[in-house]
Full PDB file with SEQRES, HELIX, SHEET, SSBOND, CRYST1, ORIGX, SCALE, CONECT and MASTER records, all heavy atoms in Angstrom:
SEQRES   1 A   34  LYS ASN THR VAL TYR LEU GLN MET ASN ASN LEU LYS PRO          
SEQRES   2 A   34  GLU ASP THR ALA VAL TYR TYR CYS ALA ALA ARG LYS LEU          
SEQRES   3 A   34  ALA GLY VAL SER ARG LEU PHE ARG                              
HELIX    1 AA1 PRO A   13  ASP A   15  5                                   3    
CRYST1    1.000    1.000    1.000  90.00  90.00  90.00 P 1           1          
ORIGX1      1.000000  0.000000  0.000000        0.00000                         
ORIGX2      0.000000  1.000000  0.000000        0.00000                         
ORIGX3      0.000000  0.000000  1.000000        0.00000                         
SCALE1      1.000000  0.000000  0.000000        0.00000                         
SCALE2      0.000000  1.000000  0.000000        0.00000                         
SCALE3      0.000000  0.000000  1.000000        0.00000                         
ATOM      1  N   LYS A   1     -94.201   3.551 -86.903  1.00  0.00           N  
ATOM      2  CA  LYS A   1     -95.376   2.900 -86.340  1.00  0.00           C  
ATOM      3  C   LYS A   1     -96.605   3.797 -86.349  1.00  0.00           C  
ATOM      4  O   LYS A   1     -97.663   3.384 -85.864  1.00  0.00           O  
ATOM      5  CB  LYS A   1     -95.094   2.442 -84.909  1.00  0.00           C  
ATOM      6  CG  LYS A   1     -93.998   1.403 -84.793  1.00  0.00           C  
ATOM      7  CD  LYS A   1     -93.790   1.001 -83.342  1.00  0.00           C  
ATOM      8  CE  LYS A   1     -92.715  -0.064 -83.226  1.00  0.00           C  
ATOM      9  NZ  LYS A   1     -92.485  -0.455 -81.816  1.00  0.00           N  
ATOM     10  N   ASN A   2     -96.463   5.010 -86.855  1.00  0.00           N  
ATOM     11  CA  ASN A   2     -97.563   5.975 -86.856  1.00  0.00           C  
ATOM     12  C   ASN A   2     -98.149   6.151 -85.460  1.00  0.00           C  
ATOM     13  O   ASN A   2     -99.371   6.164 -85.269  1.00  0.00           O  
ATOM     14  CB  ASN A   2     -98.656   5.558 -87.834  1.00  0.00           C  
ATOM     15  CG  ASN A   2     -98.283   5.815 -89.277  1.00  0.00           C  
ATOM     16  OD1 ASN A   2     -97.251   6.418 -89.577  1.00  0.00           O  
ATOM     17  ND2 ASN A   2     -99.127   5.355 -90.191  1.00  0.00           N  
ATOM     18  N   THR A   3     -97.278   6.306 -84.495  1.00  0.00           N  
ATOM     19  CA  THR A   3     -97.703   6.352 -83.104  1.00  0.00           C  
ATOM     20  C   THR A   3     -96.964   7.445 -82.350  1.00  0.00           C  
ATOM     21  O   THR A   3     -95.755   7.638 -82.550  1.00  0.00           O  
ATOM     22  CB  THR A   3     -97.465   5.002 -82.414  1.00  0.00           C  
ATOM     23  OG1 THR A   3     -98.182   3.977 -83.121  1.00  0.00           O  
ATOM     24  CG2 THR A   3     -97.956   5.025 -80.975  1.00  0.00           C  
ATOM     25  N   VAL A   4     -97.685   8.136 -81.497  1.00  0.00           N  
ATOM     26  CA  VAL A   4     -97.097   9.096 -80.578  1.00  0.00           C  
ATOM     27  C   VAL A   4     -97.360   8.612 -79.161  1.00  0.00           C  
ATOM     28  O   VAL A   4     -98.420   8.042 -78.881  1.00  0.00           O  
ATOM     29  CB  VAL A   4     -97.648  10.516 -80.813  1.00  0.00           C  
ATOM     30  CG1 VAL A   4     -99.147  10.578 -80.557  1.00  0.00           C  
ATOM     31  CG2 VAL A   4     -96.905  11.533 -79.954  1.00  0.00           C  
ATOM     32  N   TYR A   5     -96.407   8.836 -78.278  1.00  0.00           N  
ATOM     33  CA  TYR A   5     -96.489   8.333 -76.922  1.00  0.00           C  
ATOM     34  C   TYR A   5     -96.415   9.481 -75.923  1.00  0.00           C  
ATOM     35  O   TYR A   5     -95.836  10.537 -76.199  1.00  0.00           O  
ATOM     36  CB  TYR A   5     -95.346   7.364 -76.629  1.00  0.00           C  
ATOM     37  CG  TYR A   5     -95.267   6.205 -77.573  1.00  0.00           C  
ATOM     38  CD1 TYR A   5     -94.412   6.239 -78.667  1.00  0.00           C  
ATOM     39  CD2 TYR A   5     -96.043   5.071 -77.373  1.00  0.00           C  
ATOM     40  CE1 TYR A   5     -94.332   5.175 -79.541  1.00  0.00           C  
ATOM     41  CE2 TYR A   5     -95.966   4.002 -78.244  1.00  0.00           C  
ATOM     42  CZ  TYR A   5     -95.120   4.054 -79.325  1.00  0.00           C  
ATOM     43  OH  TYR A   5     -95.046   2.990 -80.185  1.00  0.00           O  
ATOM     44  N   LEU A   6     -96.985   9.242 -74.775  1.00  0.00           N  
ATOM     45  CA  LEU A   6     -96.817  10.146 -73.650  1.00  0.00           C  
ATOM     46  C   LEU A   6     -96.435   9.309 -72.435  1.00  0.00           C  
ATOM     47  O   LEU A   6     -97.277   8.596 -71.884  1.00  0.00           O  
ATOM     48  CB  LEU A   6     -98.090  10.942 -73.365  1.00  0.00           C  
ATOM     49  CG  LEU A   6     -97.971  11.983 -72.253  1.00  0.00           C  
ATOM     50  CD1 LEU A   6     -97.042  13.115 -72.677  1.00  0.00           C  
ATOM     51  CD2 LEU A   6     -99.344  12.544 -71.880  1.00  0.00           C  
ATOM     52  N   GLN A   7     -95.183   9.392 -72.054  1.00  0.00           N  
ATOM     53  CA  GLN A   7     -94.714   8.721 -70.855  1.00  0.00           C  
ATOM     54  C   GLN A   7     -94.974   9.638 -69.673  1.00  0.00           C  
ATOM     55  O   GLN A   7     -94.461  10.756 -69.626  1.00  0.00           O  
ATOM     56  CB  GLN A   7     -93.226   8.397 -70.960  1.00  0.00           C  
ATOM     57  CG  GLN A   7     -92.644   7.712 -69.734  1.00  0.00           C  
ATOM     58  CD  GLN A   7     -93.224   6.339 -69.509  1.00  0.00           C  
ATOM     59  OE1 GLN A   7     -93.328   5.550 -70.443  1.00  0.00           O  
ATOM     60  NE2 GLN A   7     -93.627   6.051 -68.272  1.00  0.00           N  
ATOM     61  N   MET A   8     -95.760   9.162 -68.730  1.00  0.00           N  
ATOM     62  CA  MET A   8     -96.196   9.957 -67.600  1.00  0.00           C  
ATOM     63  C   MET A   8     -95.597   9.364 -66.330  1.00  0.00           C  
ATOM     64  O   MET A   8     -95.979   8.271 -65.911  1.00  0.00           O  
ATOM     65  CB  MET A   8     -97.723   9.971 -67.510  1.00  0.00           C  
ATOM     66  CG  MET A   8     -98.407  10.312 -68.830  1.00  0.00           C  
ATOM     67  SD  MET A   8    -100.179   9.920 -68.841  1.00  0.00           S  
ATOM     68  CE  MET A   8    -100.788  11.164 -67.710  1.00  0.00           C  
ATOM     69  N   ASN A   9     -94.668  10.076 -65.737  1.00  0.00           N  
ATOM     70  CA  ASN A   9     -94.005   9.627 -64.521  1.00  0.00           C  
ATOM     71  C   ASN A   9     -94.369  10.522 -63.352  1.00  0.00           C  
ATOM     72  O   ASN A   9     -94.759  11.675 -63.527  1.00  0.00           O  
ATOM     73  CB  ASN A   9     -92.492   9.622 -64.707  1.00  0.00           C  
ATOM     74  CG  ASN A   9     -92.027   8.646 -65.758  1.00  0.00           C  
ATOM     75  OD1 ASN A   9     -92.617   7.594 -65.957  1.00  0.00           O  
ATOM     76  ND2 ASN A   9     -90.929   8.993 -66.437  1.00  0.00           N  
ATOM     77  N   ASN A  10     -94.196   9.984 -62.156  1.00  0.00           N  
ATOM     78  CA  ASN A  10     -94.487  10.732 -60.937  1.00  0.00           C  
ATOM     79  C   ASN A  10     -95.861  11.383 -61.006  1.00  0.00           C  
ATOM     80  O   ASN A  10     -96.022  12.578 -60.770  1.00  0.00           O  
ATOM     81  CB  ASN A  10     -93.401  11.782 -60.690  1.00  0.00           C  
ATOM     82  CG  ASN A  10     -93.491  12.402 -59.304  1.00  0.00           C  
ATOM     83  OD1 ASN A  10     -94.032  11.795 -58.374  1.00  0.00           O  
ATOM     84  ND2 ASN A  10     -92.967  13.613 -59.165  1.00  0.00           N  
ATOM     85  N   LEU A  11     -96.845  10.583 -61.317  1.00  0.00           N  
ATOM     86  CA  LEU A  11     -98.194  11.105 -61.486  1.00  0.00           C  
ATOM     87  C   LEU A  11     -98.754  11.650 -60.184  1.00  0.00           C  
ATOM     88  O   LEU A  11     -98.474  11.128 -59.100  1.00  0.00           O  
ATOM     89  CB  LEU A  11     -99.104  10.018 -62.032  1.00  0.00           C  
ATOM     90  CG  LEU A  11     -98.939   9.761 -63.530  1.00  0.00           C  
ATOM     91  CD1 LEU A  11     -99.486   8.398 -63.906  1.00  0.00           C  
ATOM     92  CD2 LEU A  11     -99.633  10.851 -64.334  1.00  0.00           C  
ATOM     93  N   LYS A  12     -99.543  12.699 -60.331  1.00  0.00           N  
ATOM     94  CA  LYS A  12    -100.166  13.368 -59.208  1.00  0.00           C  
ATOM     95  C   LYS A  12    -101.683  13.331 -59.366  1.00  0.00           C  
ATOM     96  O   LYS A  12    -102.182  13.244 -60.489  1.00  0.00           O  
ATOM     97  CB  LYS A  12     -99.704  14.825 -59.129  1.00  0.00           C  
ATOM     98  CG  LYS A  12     -98.201  15.000 -58.997  1.00  0.00           C  
ATOM     99  CD  LYS A  12     -97.821  16.466 -59.000  1.00  0.00           C  
ATOM    100  CE  LYS A  12     -96.326  16.650 -58.862  1.00  0.00           C  
ATOM    101  NZ  LYS A  12     -95.948  18.090 -58.880  1.00  0.00           N  
ATOM    102  N   PRO A  13    -102.419  13.415 -58.269  1.00  0.00           N  
ATOM    103  CA  PRO A  13    -103.878  13.464 -58.396  1.00  0.00           C  
ATOM    104  C   PRO A  13    -104.364  14.580 -59.316  1.00  0.00           C  
ATOM    105  O   PRO A  13    -105.390  14.421 -59.978  1.00  0.00           O  
ATOM    106  CB  PRO A  13    -104.345  13.685 -56.953  1.00  0.00           C  
ATOM    107  CG  PRO A  13    -103.282  13.051 -56.127  1.00  0.00           C  
ATOM    108  CD  PRO A  13    -101.996  13.334 -56.864  1.00  0.00           C  
ATOM    109  N   GLU A  14    -103.638  15.671 -59.378  1.00  0.00           N  
ATOM    110  CA  GLU A  14    -103.999  16.776 -60.247  1.00  0.00           C  
ATOM    111  C   GLU A  14    -103.915  16.423 -61.726  1.00  0.00           C  
ATOM    112  O   GLU A  14    -104.442  17.162 -62.567  1.00  0.00           O  
ATOM    113  CB  GLU A  14    -103.100  17.991 -59.982  1.00  0.00           C  
ATOM    114  CG  GLU A  14    -103.074  18.436 -58.529  1.00  0.00           C  
ATOM    115  CD  GLU A  14    -101.939  17.790 -57.757  1.00  0.00           C  
ATOM    116  OE1 GLU A  14    -102.147  16.683 -57.220  1.00  0.00           O  
ATOM    117  OE2 GLU A  14    -100.849  18.402 -57.687  1.00  0.00           O  
ATOM    118  N   ASP A  15    -103.254  15.328 -62.060  1.00  0.00           N  
ATOM    119  CA  ASP A  15    -103.165  14.879 -63.442  1.00  0.00           C  
ATOM    120  C   ASP A  15    -104.422  14.143 -63.898  1.00  0.00           C  
ATOM    121  O   ASP A  15    -104.538  13.825 -65.085  1.00  0.00           O  
ATOM    122  CB  ASP A  15    -101.961  13.963 -63.636  1.00  0.00           C  
ATOM    123  CG  ASP A  15    -100.645  14.658 -63.340  1.00  0.00           C  
ATOM    124  OD1 ASP A  15    -100.485  15.829 -63.723  1.00  0.00           O  
ATOM    125  OD2 ASP A  15     -99.772  14.007 -62.727  1.00  0.00           O  
ATOM    126  N   THR A  16    -105.313  13.864 -62.984  1.00  0.00           N  
ATOM    127  CA  THR A  16    -106.535  13.140 -63.321  1.00  0.00           C  
ATOM    128  C   THR A  16    -107.347  13.920 -64.345  1.00  0.00           C  
ATOM    129  O   THR A  16    -107.709  15.072 -64.119  1.00  0.00           O  
ATOM    130  CB  THR A  16    -107.375  12.886 -62.070  1.00  0.00           C  
ATOM    131  OG1 THR A  16    -106.658  12.026 -61.181  1.00  0.00           O  
ATOM    132  CG2 THR A  16    -108.699  12.227 -62.425  1.00  0.00           C  
ATOM    133  N   ALA A  17    -107.615  13.287 -65.464  1.00  0.00           N  
ATOM    134  CA  ALA A  17    -108.321  13.940 -66.559  1.00  0.00           C  
ATOM    135  C   ALA A  17    -108.494  12.936 -67.685  1.00  0.00           C  
ATOM    136  O   ALA A  17    -107.925  11.849 -67.663  1.00  0.00           O  
ATOM    137  CB  ALA A  17    -107.541  15.160 -67.067  1.00  0.00           C  
ATOM    138  N   VAL A  18    -109.270  13.333 -68.669  1.00  0.00           N  
ATOM    139  CA  VAL A  18    -109.303  12.621 -69.928  1.00  0.00           C  
ATOM    140  C   VAL A  18    -108.187  13.176 -70.801  1.00  0.00           C  
ATOM    141  O   VAL A  18    -108.075  14.391 -70.980  1.00  0.00           O  
ATOM    142  CB  VAL A  18    -110.654  12.768 -70.636  1.00  0.00           C  
ATOM    143  CG1 VAL A  18    -110.632  12.054 -71.984  1.00  0.00           C  
ATOM    144  CG2 VAL A  18    -111.769  12.210 -69.762  1.00  0.00           C  
ATOM    145  N   TYR A  19    -107.380  12.296 -71.320  1.00  0.00           N  
ATOM    146  CA  TYR A  19    -106.260  12.696 -72.160  1.00  0.00           C  
ATOM    147  C   TYR A  19    -106.586  12.445 -73.616  1.00  0.00           C  
ATOM    148  O   TYR A  19    -107.009  11.352 -73.992  1.00  0.00           O  
ATOM    149  CB  TYR A  19    -104.994  11.937 -71.751  1.00  0.00           C  
ATOM    150  CG  TYR A  19    -104.384  12.490 -70.496  1.00  0.00           C  
ATOM    151  CD1 TYR A  19    -104.996  12.291 -69.262  1.00  0.00           C  
ATOM    152  CD2 TYR A  19    -103.214  13.245 -70.533  1.00  0.00           C  
ATOM    153  CE1 TYR A  19    -104.461  12.827 -68.106  1.00  0.00           C  
ATOM    154  CE2 TYR A  19    -102.670  13.775 -69.381  1.00  0.00           C  
ATOM    155  CZ  TYR A  19    -103.292  13.569 -68.177  1.00  0.00           C  
ATOM    156  OH  TYR A  19    -102.751  14.100 -67.024  1.00  0.00           O  
ATOM    157  N   TYR A  20    -106.371  13.469 -74.422  1.00  0.00           N  
ATOM    158  CA  TYR A  20    -106.686  13.424 -75.837  1.00  0.00           C  
ATOM    159  C   TYR A  20    -105.430  13.600 -76.675  1.00  0.00           C  
ATOM    160  O   TYR A  20    -104.579  14.437 -76.365  1.00  0.00           O  
ATOM    161  CB  TYR A  20    -107.660  14.541 -76.223  1.00  0.00           C  
ATOM    162  CG  TYR A  20    -109.004  14.467 -75.553  1.00  0.00           C  
ATOM    163  CD1 TYR A  20    -109.239  15.112 -74.347  1.00  0.00           C  
ATOM    164  CD2 TYR A  20    -110.051  13.761 -76.137  1.00  0.00           C  
ATOM    165  CE1 TYR A  20    -110.475  15.060 -73.730  1.00  0.00           C  
ATOM    166  CE2 TYR A  20    -111.287  13.703 -75.535  1.00  0.00           C  
ATOM    167  CZ  TYR A  20    -111.497  14.354 -74.334  1.00  0.00           C  
ATOM    168  OH  TYR A  20    -112.729  14.302 -73.732  1.00  0.00           O  
ATOM    169  N   CYS A  21    -105.349  12.853 -77.719  1.00  0.00           N  
ATOM    170  CA  CYS A  21    -104.338  13.045 -78.741  1.00  0.00           C  
ATOM    171  C   CYS A  21    -104.907  13.971 -79.804  1.00  0.00           C  
ATOM    172  O   CYS A  21    -106.065  13.832 -80.202  1.00  0.00           O  
ATOM    173  CB  CYS A  21    -103.954  11.693 -79.346  1.00  0.00           C  
ATOM    174  SG  CYS A  21    -102.695  11.752 -80.627  1.00  0.00           S  
ATOM    175  N   ALA A  22    -104.113  14.926 -80.250  1.00  0.00           N  
ATOM    176  CA  ALA A  22    -104.562  15.879 -81.248  1.00  0.00           C  
ATOM    177  C   ALA A  22    -103.457  16.133 -82.258  1.00  0.00           C  
ATOM    178  O   ALA A  22    -102.269  16.099 -81.924  1.00  0.00           O  
ATOM    179  CB  ALA A  22    -104.990  17.196 -80.593  1.00  0.00           C  
ATOM    180  N   ALA A  23    -103.858  16.420 -83.486  1.00  0.00           N  
ATOM    181  CA  ALA A  23    -102.903  16.627 -84.564  1.00  0.00           C  
ATOM    182  C   ALA A  23    -103.340  17.772 -85.460  1.00  0.00           C  
ATOM    183  O   ALA A  23    -104.527  18.073 -85.585  1.00  0.00           O  
ATOM    184  CB  ALA A  23    -102.757  15.347 -85.392  1.00  0.00           C  
ATOM    185  N   ARG A  24    -102.361  18.375 -86.084  1.00  0.00           N  
ATOM    186  CA  ARG A  24    -102.631  19.379 -87.097  1.00  0.00           C  
ATOM    187  C   ARG A  24    -101.539  19.335 -88.149  1.00  0.00           C  
ATOM    188  O   ARG A  24    -100.413  18.924 -87.874  1.00  0.00           O  
ATOM    189  CB  ARG A  24    -102.744  20.786 -86.503  1.00  0.00           C  
ATOM    190  CG  ARG A  24    -101.439  21.382 -85.998  1.00  0.00           C  
ATOM    191  CD  ARG A  24    -101.653  22.822 -85.600  1.00  0.00           C  
ATOM    192  NE  ARG A  24    -100.409  23.512 -85.285  1.00  0.00           N  
ATOM    193  CZ  ARG A  24    -100.304  24.829 -85.155  1.00  0.00           C  
ATOM    194  NH1 ARG A  24    -101.381  25.602 -85.309  1.00  0.00           N  
ATOM    195  NH2 ARG A  24     -99.131  25.377 -84.858  1.00  0.00           N  
ATOM    196  N   LYS A  25    -101.886  19.779 -89.340  1.00  0.00           N  
ATOM    197  CA  LYS A  25    -100.942  19.749 -90.446  1.00  0.00           C  
ATOM    198  C   LYS A  25     -99.911  20.859 -90.376  1.00  0.00           C  
ATOM    199  O   LYS A  25     -98.802  20.717 -90.893  1.00  0.00           O  
ATOM    200  CB  LYS A  25    -101.693  19.824 -91.775  1.00  0.00           C  
ATOM    201  CG  LYS A  25    -102.528  18.596 -92.082  1.00  0.00           C  
ATOM    202  CD  LYS A  25    -103.196  18.689 -93.434  1.00  0.00           C  
ATOM    203  CE  LYS A  25    -104.319  19.693 -93.410  1.00  0.00           C  
ATOM    204  NZ  LYS A  25    -105.088  19.680 -94.688  1.00  0.00           N  
ATOM    205  N   LEU A  26    -100.260  21.955 -89.756  1.00  0.00           N  
ATOM    206  CA  LEU A  26     -99.341  23.079 -89.653  1.00  0.00           C  
ATOM    207  C   LEU A  26     -98.137  22.716 -88.804  1.00  0.00           C  
ATOM    208  O   LEU A  26     -98.249  22.029 -87.790  1.00  0.00           O  
ATOM    209  CB  LEU A  26    -100.041  24.288 -89.052  1.00  0.00           C  
ATOM    210  CG  LEU A  26    -101.135  24.935 -89.898  1.00  0.00           C  
ATOM    211  CD1 LEU A  26    -101.848  26.014 -89.099  1.00  0.00           C  
ATOM    212  CD2 LEU A  26    -100.547  25.520 -91.169  1.00  0.00           C  
ATOM    213  N   ALA A  27     -96.993  23.206 -89.223  1.00  0.00           N  
ATOM    214  CA  ALA A  27     -95.778  22.963 -88.475  1.00  0.00           C  
ATOM    215  C   ALA A  27     -95.758  23.798 -87.209  1.00  0.00           C  
ATOM    216  O   ALA A  27     -96.264  24.920 -87.167  1.00  0.00           O  
ATOM    217  CB  ALA A  27     -94.563  23.284 -89.342  1.00  0.00           C  
ATOM    218  N   GLY A  28     -95.171  23.247 -86.173  1.00  0.00           N  
ATOM    219  CA  GLY A  28     -95.061  23.969 -84.922  1.00  0.00           C  
ATOM    220  C   GLY A  28     -96.160  23.607 -83.945  1.00  0.00           C  
ATOM    221  O   GLY A  28     -97.310  23.377 -84.334  1.00  0.00           O  
ATOM    222  N   VAL A  29     -95.819  23.570 -82.673  1.00  0.00           N  
ATOM    223  CA  VAL A  29     -96.748  23.192 -81.618  1.00  0.00           C  
ATOM    224  C   VAL A  29     -97.501  24.421 -81.132  1.00  0.00           C  
ATOM    225  O   VAL A  29     -96.895  25.419 -80.740  1.00  0.00           O  
ATOM    226  CB  VAL A  29     -96.016  22.528 -80.447  1.00  0.00           C  
ATOM    227  CG1 VAL A  29     -96.987  22.243 -79.307  1.00  0.00           C  
ATOM    228  CG2 VAL A  29     -95.330  21.248 -80.902  1.00  0.00           C  
ATOM    229  N   SER A  30     -98.817  24.347 -81.172  1.00  0.00           N  
ATOM    230  CA  SER A  30     -99.671  25.345 -80.555  1.00  0.00           C  
ATOM    231  C   SER A  30    -100.227  24.792 -79.256  1.00  0.00           C  
ATOM    232  O   SER A  30    -100.529  23.601 -79.159  1.00  0.00           O  
ATOM    233  CB  SER A  30    -100.818  25.728 -81.488  1.00  0.00           C  
ATOM    234  OG  SER A  30    -101.775  26.523 -80.812  1.00  0.00           O  
ATOM    235  N   ARG A  31    -100.397  25.659 -78.259  1.00  0.00           N  
ATOM    236  CA  ARG A  31    -100.972  25.251 -76.983  1.00  0.00           C  
ATOM    237  C   ARG A  31    -102.475  25.460 -76.913  1.00  0.00           C  
ATOM    238  O   ARG A  31    -103.068  25.199 -75.868  1.00  0.00           O  
ATOM    239  CB  ARG A  31    -100.281  25.995 -75.843  1.00  0.00           C  
ATOM    240  CG  ARG A  31     -98.814  25.619 -75.698  1.00  0.00           C  
ATOM    241  CD  ARG A  31     -98.098  26.448 -74.650  1.00  0.00           C  
ATOM    242  NE  ARG A  31     -96.717  25.989 -74.524  1.00  0.00           N  
ATOM    243  CZ  ARG A  31     -96.178  25.498 -73.419  1.00  0.00           C  
ATOM    244  NH1 ARG A  31     -96.891  25.427 -72.306  1.00  0.00           N  
ATOM    245  NH2 ARG A  31     -94.918  25.088 -73.418  1.00  0.00           N  
ATOM    246  N   LEU A  32    -103.072  25.894 -78.008  1.00  0.00           N  
ATOM    247  CA  LEU A  32    -104.501  26.157 -78.066  1.00  0.00           C  
ATOM    248  C   LEU A  32    -105.220  24.976 -78.698  1.00  0.00           C  
ATOM    249  O   LEU A  32    -104.935  24.608 -79.838  1.00  0.00           O  
ATOM    250  CB  LEU A  32    -104.784  27.426 -78.861  1.00  0.00           C  
ATOM    251  CG  LEU A  32    -104.113  28.696 -78.351  1.00  0.00           C  
ATOM    252  CD1 LEU A  32    -104.415  29.852 -79.286  1.00  0.00           C  
ATOM    253  CD2 LEU A  32    -104.583  29.019 -76.945  1.00  0.00           C  
ATOM    254  N   PHE A  33    -106.165  24.398 -77.977  1.00  0.00           N  
ATOM    255  CA  PHE A  33    -106.827  23.211 -78.501  1.00  0.00           C  
ATOM    256  C   PHE A  33    -107.631  23.502 -79.756  1.00  0.00           C  
ATOM    257  O   PHE A  33    -107.829  22.604 -80.581  1.00  0.00           O  
ATOM    258  CB  PHE A  33    -107.707  22.560 -77.421  1.00  0.00           C  
ATOM    259  CG  PHE A  33    -108.958  23.307 -77.065  1.00  0.00           C  
ATOM    260  CD1 PHE A  33    -110.119  23.136 -77.798  1.00  0.00           C  
ATOM    261  CD2 PHE A  33    -108.986  24.165 -75.986  1.00  0.00           C  
ATOM    262  CE1 PHE A  33    -111.275  23.806 -77.464  1.00  0.00           C  
ATOM    263  CE2 PHE A  33    -110.139  24.845 -75.641  1.00  0.00           C  
ATOM    264  CZ  PHE A  33    -111.286  24.661 -76.384  1.00  0.00           C  
ATOM    265  N   ARG A  34    -108.075  24.738 -79.923  1.00  0.00           N  
ATOM    266  CA  ARG A  34    -108.846  25.099 -81.105  1.00  0.00           C  
ATOM    267  C   ARG A  34    -108.005  25.103 -82.376  1.00  0.00           C  
ATOM    268  O   ARG A  34    -108.573  25.148 -83.467  1.00  0.00           O  
ATOM    269  CB  ARG A  34    -109.503  26.468 -80.913  1.00  0.00           C  
ATOM    270  CG  ARG A  34    -110.566  26.496 -79.834  1.00  0.00           C  
ATOM    271  CD  ARG A  34    -111.161  27.867 -79.703  1.00  0.00           C  
ATOM    272  NE  ARG A  34    -112.230  27.897 -78.705  1.00  0.00           N  
ATOM    273  CZ  ARG A  34    -112.045  28.100 -77.420  1.00  0.00           C  
ATOM    274  NH1 ARG A  34    -110.817  28.304 -76.955  1.00  0.00           N  
ATOM    275  NH2 ARG A  34    -113.065  28.107 -76.576  1.00  0.00           N  
TER     276      ARG A  34                                                      
MASTER        0    0    0    1    0    0    0    6  275    1    0    3          
END                                                                             
């Protein structure tokens, strides 16, 4: 489906934010938005 999901349970007020989907061609997950 060319889709990624984020199931968010037990949400807290601290989770309030704008959520962005991001992708890169390189293999492996980086925690740096840049």
